[in-house]
Amino acid sequence: MQHPLITYHFRSKEILWRAVAEYVFQRVRQERDASLSSFGPASAVDRVKLAYRALFRFTVDFPEFHRFILQESLGHSTRLQWLAETNLKPLIDWLLPQIRAAQEEHSLPKVEPIVFHYMLISLTSTLSGFGPEFSATSNRSPSDPALAEEYWCTVERLVFGALEPS
């Protein structure tokens, strides 16, 4: 798209930024919903696992997504507030009841659900967030499908492995 077309459709950088954010989060929701619907009826822990796996896959496929969010999270800005109200809170409002239900089934550790959420956000964004450093120190690409699969399988074992009933 040529610059005049961009400025015609998006009268300011802020409007363009918001349009990009809305588009990206729409894609995140679509990926989550597709993952959930392809699995069929699922337990609470499976819904949580599928939702975060979809987010992980998205961040591996689009590492810029993590950087986009991180850039706005470096300070308390009007963009971050808008992003939180418009996109983050609706996603979190869907996730937290799923986490609580899985905890009630003794399938996830008993920790404040929002803390568990951000722990998983950290895990899902590790390959994208540390991609350049990871490549420089390991000579491996964080976008390598085999590496991504190995990484996610490890997350599943560590986070979603069988728990002892409390």
C-alpha atoms as a PDB file:
ATOM      1  CA  MET A   1       0.000   0.000   0.000  1.00  0.00           C
ATOM      2  CA  GLN A   2       1.369   3.374  -0.916  1.00  0.00           C
ATOM      3  CA  HIS A   3       1.825   6.107   1.668  1.00  0.00           C
ATOM      4  CA  PRO A   4      -1.008   8.346   0.328  1.00  0.00           C
ATOM      5  CA  LEU A   5      -3.436   5.438   0.627  1.00  0.00           C
ATOM      6  CA  ILE A   6      -2.365   4.804   4.203  1.00  0.00           C
ATOM      7  CA  THR A   7      -2.824   8.439   5.178  1.00  0.00           C
ATOM      8  CA  TYR A   8      -6.170   8.511   3.390  1.00  0.00           C
ATOM      9  CA  HIS A   9      -7.522   5.527   5.332  1.00  0.00           C
ATOM     10  CA  PHE A  10      -5.745   6.263   8.604  1.00  0.00           C
ATOM     11  CA  ARG A  11      -5.697   9.972   9.358  1.00  0.00           C
ATOM     12  CA  SER A  12      -3.134   9.590  12.138  1.00  0.00           C
ATOM     13  CA  LYS A  13      -0.526   7.187  13.452  1.00  0.00           C
ATOM     14  CA  GLU A  14      -2.754   6.576  16.464  1.00  0.00           C
ATOM     15  CA  ILE A  15      -5.678   5.490  14.287  1.00  0.00           C
ATOM     16  CA  LEU A  16      -3.369   3.204  12.302  1.00  0.00           C
ATOM     17  CA  TRP A  17      -1.906   1.765  15.515  1.00  0.00           C
ATOM     18  CA  ARG A  18      -5.371   1.002  16.900  1.00  0.00           C
ATOM     19  CA  ALA A  19      -6.456  -0.603  13.629  1.00  0.00           C
ATOM     20  CA  VAL A  20      -3.386  -2.846  13.714  1.00  0.00           C
ATOM     21  CA  ALA A  21      -4.030  -3.755  17.359  1.00  0.00           C
ATOM     22  CA  GLU A  22      -7.669  -4.603  16.659  1.00  0.00           C
ATOM     23  CA  TYR A  23      -6.711  -6.723  13.659  1.00  0.00           C
ATOM     24  CA  VAL A  24      -4.000  -8.600  15.538  1.00  0.00           C
ATOM     25  CA  PHE A  25      -6.203  -9.369  18.524  1.00  0.00           C
ATOM     26  CA  GLN A  26      -8.993 -10.466  16.221  1.00  0.00           C
ATOM     27  CA  ARG A  27      -6.510 -12.957  14.747  1.00  0.00           C
ATOM     28  CA  VAL A  28      -5.503 -14.126  18.235  1.00  0.00           C
ATOM     29  CA  ARG A  29      -9.164 -14.755  19.117  1.00  0.00           C
ATOM     30  CA  GLN A  30      -9.736 -16.556  15.809  1.00  0.00           C
ATOM     31  CA  GLU A  31      -6.730 -18.811  16.420  1.00  0.00           C
ATOM     32  CA  ARG A  32      -7.967 -19.619  19.923  1.00  0.00           C
ATOM     33  CA  ASP A  33     -11.508 -20.311  18.735  1.00  0.00           C
ATOM     34  CA  ALA A  34     -10.300 -22.491  15.852  1.00  0.00           C
ATOM     35  CA  SER A  35      -8.095 -24.468  18.218  1.00  0.00           C
ATOM     36  CA  LEU A  36     -10.961 -25.003  20.646  1.00  0.00           C
ATOM     37  CA  SER A  37     -13.493 -25.973  17.992  1.00  0.00           C
ATOM     38  CA  SER A  38     -11.126 -28.436  16.326  1.00  0.00           C
ATOM     39  CA  PHE A  39     -10.704 -30.282  19.627  1.00  0.00           C
ATOM     40  CA  GLY A  40     -14.399 -30.767  20.313  1.00  0.00           C
ATOM     41  CA  PRO A  41     -15.763 -30.992  23.860  1.00  0.00           C
ATOM     42  CA  ALA A  42     -12.903 -30.293  26.226  1.00  0.00           C
ATOM     43  CA  SER A  43     -12.264 -30.244  29.941  1.00  0.00           C
ATOM     44  CA  ALA A  44     -11.376 -26.948  31.577  1.00  0.00           C
ATOM     45  CA  VAL A  45      -7.671 -27.776  31.611  1.00  0.00           C
ATOM     46  CA  ASP A  46      -7.800 -28.741  27.940  1.00  0.00           C
ATOM     47  CA  ARG A  47      -9.492 -25.421  27.103  1.00  0.00           C
ATOM     48  CA  VAL A  48      -6.745 -23.565  28.969  1.00  0.00           C
ATOM     49  CA  LYS A  49      -4.033 -25.617  27.293  1.00  0.00           C
ATOM     50  CA  LEU A  50      -5.544 -25.139  23.823  1.00  0.00           C
ATOM     51  CA  ALA A  51      -5.990 -21.398  24.309  1.00  0.00           C
ATOM     52  CA  TYR A  52      -2.394 -20.829  25.394  1.00  0.00           C
ATOM     53  CA  ARG A  53      -1.064 -23.211  22.764  1.00  0.00           C
ATOM     54  CA  ALA A  54      -2.879 -21.154  20.118  1.00  0.00           C
ATOM     55  CA  LEU A  55      -1.327 -17.994  21.539  1.00  0.00           C
ATOM     56  CA  PHE A  56       2.092 -19.653  21.582  1.00  0.00           C
ATOM     57  CA  ARG A  57       1.741 -20.705  17.938  1.00  0.00           C
ATOM     58  CA  PHE A  58       0.674 -17.176  17.046  1.00  0.00           C
ATOM     59  CA  THR A  59       3.716 -15.645  18.776  1.00  0.00           C
ATOM     60  CA  VAL A  60       6.028 -18.116  17.033  1.00  0.00           C
ATOM     61  CA  ASP A  61       4.462 -17.339  13.656  1.00  0.00           C
ATOM     62  CA  PHE A  62       4.350 -13.594  14.336  1.00  0.00           C
ATOM     63  CA  PRO A  63       7.136 -12.704  16.799  1.00  0.00           C
ATOM     64  CA  GLU A  64       6.443  -9.034  16.155  1.00  0.00           C
ATOM     65  CA  PHE A  65       3.195  -9.468  18.108  1.00  0.00           C
ATOM     66  CA  HIS A  66       5.066  -9.884  21.382  1.00  0.00           C
ATOM     67  CA  ARG A  67       7.303  -6.920  20.604  1.00  0.00           C
ATOM     68  CA  PHE A  68       4.244  -4.839  19.658  1.00  0.00           C
ATOM     69  CA  ILE A  69       2.646  -5.519  23.045  1.00  0.00           C
ATOM     70  CA  LEU A  70       5.901  -5.194  24.973  1.00  0.00           C
ATOM     71  CA  GLN A  71       6.579  -1.777  23.469  1.00  0.00           C
ATOM     72  CA  GLU A  72       3.322  -0.473  24.910  1.00  0.00           C
ATOM     73  CA  SER A  73       3.890  -2.195  28.248  1.00  0.00           C
ATOM     74  CA  LEU A  74       7.127  -0.353  28.974  1.00  0.00           C
ATOM     75  CA  GLY A  75       5.224   2.495  30.558  1.00  0.00           C
ATOM     76  CA  HIS A  76       1.704   3.420  31.528  1.00  0.00           C
ATOM     77  CA  SER A  77       0.372   5.039  28.382  1.00  0.00           C
ATOM     78  CA  THR A  78      -3.013   5.852  26.919  1.00  0.00           C
ATOM     79  CA  ARG A  79      -2.316   3.188  24.297  1.00  0.00           C
ATOM     80  CA  LEU A  80      -1.756   0.566  26.973  1.00  0.00           C
ATOM     81  CA  GLN A  81      -4.936   1.602  28.758  1.00  0.00           C
ATOM     82  CA  TRP A  82      -6.899   1.402  25.500  1.00  0.00           C
ATOM     83  CA  LEU A  83      -5.294  -1.951  24.652  1.00  0.00           C
ATOM     84  CA  ALA A  84      -6.144  -3.313  28.090  1.00  0.00           C
ATOM     85  CA  GLU A  85      -9.768  -2.183  27.994  1.00  0.00           C
ATOM     86  CA  THR A  86     -10.449  -3.073  24.368  1.00  0.00           C
ATOM     87  CA  ASN A  87      -8.499  -6.278  23.823  1.00  0.00           C
ATOM     88  CA  LEU A  88      -6.644  -7.668  26.818  1.00  0.00           C
ATOM     89  CA  LYS A  89      -9.425  -7.625  29.411  1.00  0.00           C
ATOM     90  CA  PRO A  90     -11.962  -9.401  27.165  1.00  0.00           C
ATOM     91  CA  LEU A  91      -9.429 -12.170  26.515  1.00  0.00           C
ATOM     92  CA  ILE A  92      -8.556 -12.384  30.193  1.00  0.00           C
ATOM     93  CA  ASP A  93     -12.243 -12.358  31.138  1.00  0.00           C
ATOM     94  CA  TRP A  94     -12.635 -15.511  29.042  1.00  0.00           C
ATOM     95  CA  LEU A  95      -9.455 -17.167  30.346  1.00  0.00           C
ATOM     96  CA  LEU A  96      -9.745 -16.628  34.103  1.00  0.00           C
ATOM     97  CA  PRO A  97     -12.946 -18.677  34.550  1.00  0.00           C
ATOM     98  CA  GLN A  98     -11.328 -21.477  32.526  1.00  0.00           C
ATOM     99  CA  ILE A  99      -8.286 -21.392  34.806  1.00  0.00           C
ATOM    100  CA  ARG A 100     -10.487 -21.385  37.930  1.00  0.00           C
ATOM    101  CA  ALA A 101     -12.498 -24.343  36.622  1.00  0.00           C
ATOM    102  CA  ALA A 102      -9.306 -26.292  35.907  1.00  0.00           C
ATOM    103  CA  GLN A 103      -8.055 -25.467  39.397  1.00  0.00           C
ATOM    104  CA  GLU A 104     -11.317 -26.703  40.896  1.00  0.00           C
ATOM    105  CA  GLU A 105     -10.803 -29.952  38.970  1.00  0.00           C
ATOM    106  CA  HIS A 106      -7.310 -30.132  40.554  1.00  0.00           C
ATOM    107  CA  SER A 107      -5.789 -29.967  37.082  1.00  0.00           C
ATOM    108  CA  LEU A 108      -3.861 -26.731  37.618  1.00  0.00           C
ATOM    109  CA  PRO A 109      -1.979 -25.414  40.632  1.00  0.00           C
ATOM    110  CA  LYS A 110      -3.925 -23.275  43.081  1.00  0.00           C
ATOM    111  CA  VAL A 111      -2.547 -19.820  42.457  1.00  0.00           C
ATOM    112  CA  GLU A 112      -4.349 -16.577  41.748  1.00  0.00           C
ATOM    113  CA  PRO A 113      -5.669 -17.096  38.183  1.00  0.00           C
ATOM    114  CA  ILE A 114      -4.311 -13.762  36.924  1.00  0.00           C
ATOM    115  CA  VAL A 115      -0.847 -14.736  38.188  1.00  0.00           C
ATOM    116  CA  PHE A 116      -1.149 -18.076  36.397  1.00  0.00           C
ATOM    117  CA  HIS A 117      -2.244 -16.227  33.252  1.00  0.00           C
ATOM    118  CA  TYR A 118       0.789 -13.956  33.211  1.00  0.00           C
ATOM    119  CA  MET A 119       3.080 -16.870  33.963  1.00  0.00           C
ATOM    120  CA  LEU A 120       1.729 -18.550  30.832  1.00  0.00           C
ATOM    121  CA  ILE A 121       1.984 -15.321  28.856  1.00  0.00           C
ATOM    122  CA  SER A 122       5.672 -15.279  29.762  1.00  0.00           C
ATOM    123  CA  LEU A 123       6.079 -18.878  28.656  1.00  0.00           C
ATOM    124  CA  THR A 124       4.174 -18.396  25.405  1.00  0.00           C
ATOM    125  CA  SER A 125       6.248 -15.368  24.460  1.00  0.00           C
ATOM    126  CA  THR A 126       9.702 -16.692  25.341  1.00  0.00           C
ATOM    127  CA  LEU A 127      10.727 -17.799  21.853  1.00  0.00           C
ATOM    128  CA  SER A 128       9.470 -14.596  20.245  1.00  0.00           C
ATOM    129  CA  GLY A 129      10.744 -12.318  22.990  1.00  0.00           C
ATOM    130  CA  PHE A 130      14.206 -13.814  23.171  1.00  0.00           C
ATOM    131  CA  GLY A 131      14.397 -14.864  19.517  1.00  0.00           C
ATOM    132  CA  PRO A 132      17.446 -12.847  18.457  1.00  0.00           C
ATOM    133  CA  GLU A 133      19.337 -13.676  21.657  1.00  0.00           C
ATOM    134  CA  PHE A 134      18.328 -17.323  21.394  1.00  0.00           C
ATOM    135  CA  SER A 135      19.610 -17.492  17.812  1.00  0.00           C
ATOM    136  CA  ALA A 136      22.872 -15.775  18.717  1.00  0.00           C
ATOM    137  CA  THR A 137      23.620 -18.143  21.591  1.00  0.00           C
ATOM    138  CA  SER A 138      22.336 -21.425  20.180  1.00  0.00           C
ATOM    139  CA  ASN A 139      22.607 -21.165  16.396  1.00  0.00           C
ATOM    140  CA  ARG A 140      18.982 -22.332  16.283  1.00  0.00           C
ATOM    141  CA  SER A 141      16.008 -20.474  14.934  1.00  0.00           C
ATOM    142  CA  PRO A 142      13.118 -19.871  17.331  1.00  0.00           C
ATOM    143  CA  SER A 143      10.802 -20.147  14.324  1.00  0.00           C
ATOM    144  CA  ASP A 144      11.974 -23.709  13.589  1.00  0.00           C
ATOM    145  CA  PRO A 145       8.803 -25.855  13.813  1.00  0.00           C
ATOM    146  CA  ALA A 146      10.657 -28.730  15.504  1.00  0.00           C
ATOM    147  CA  LEU A 147      12.047 -26.406  18.159  1.00  0.00           C
ATOM    148  CA  ALA A 148       8.649 -24.789  18.706  1.00  0.00           C
ATOM    149  CA  GLU A 149       7.056 -28.221  19.125  1.00  0.00           C
ATOM    150  CA  GLU A 150       9.780 -29.322  21.556  1.00  0.00           C
ATOM    151  CA  TYR A 151       9.361 -26.114  23.521  1.00  0.00           C
ATOM    152  CA  TRP A 152       5.574 -26.387  23.761  1.00  0.00           C
ATOM    153  CA  CYS A 153       5.719 -30.075  24.734  1.00  0.00           C
ATOM    154  CA  THR A 154       8.029 -29.077  27.576  1.00  0.00           C
ATOM    155  CA  VAL A 155       5.613 -26.342  28.675  1.00  0.00           C
ATOM    156  CA  GLU A 156       2.775 -28.859  28.639  1.00  0.00           C
ATOM    157  CA  ARG A 157       4.739 -31.332  30.754  1.00  0.00           C
ATOM    158  CA  LEU A 158       5.855 -28.692  33.250  1.00  0.00           C
ATOM    159  CA  VAL A 159       2.624 -26.719  33.535  1.00  0.00           C
ATOM    160  CA  PHE A 160      -0.151 -29.101  32.590  1.00  0.00           C
ATOM    161  CA  GLY A 161       1.330 -32.356  33.837  1.00  0.00           C
ATOM    162  CA  ALA A 162      -0.638 -34.449  36.282  1.00  0.00           C
ATOM    163  CA  LEU A 163      -1.004 -32.857  39.698  1.00  0.00           C
ATOM    164  CA  GLU A 164      -1.487 -34.576  42.993  1.00  0.00           C
ATOM    165  CA  PRO A 165      -4.948 -33.845  44.425  1.00  0.00           C
ATOM    166  CA  SER A 166      -4.689 -31.377  47.293  1.00  0.00           C
END
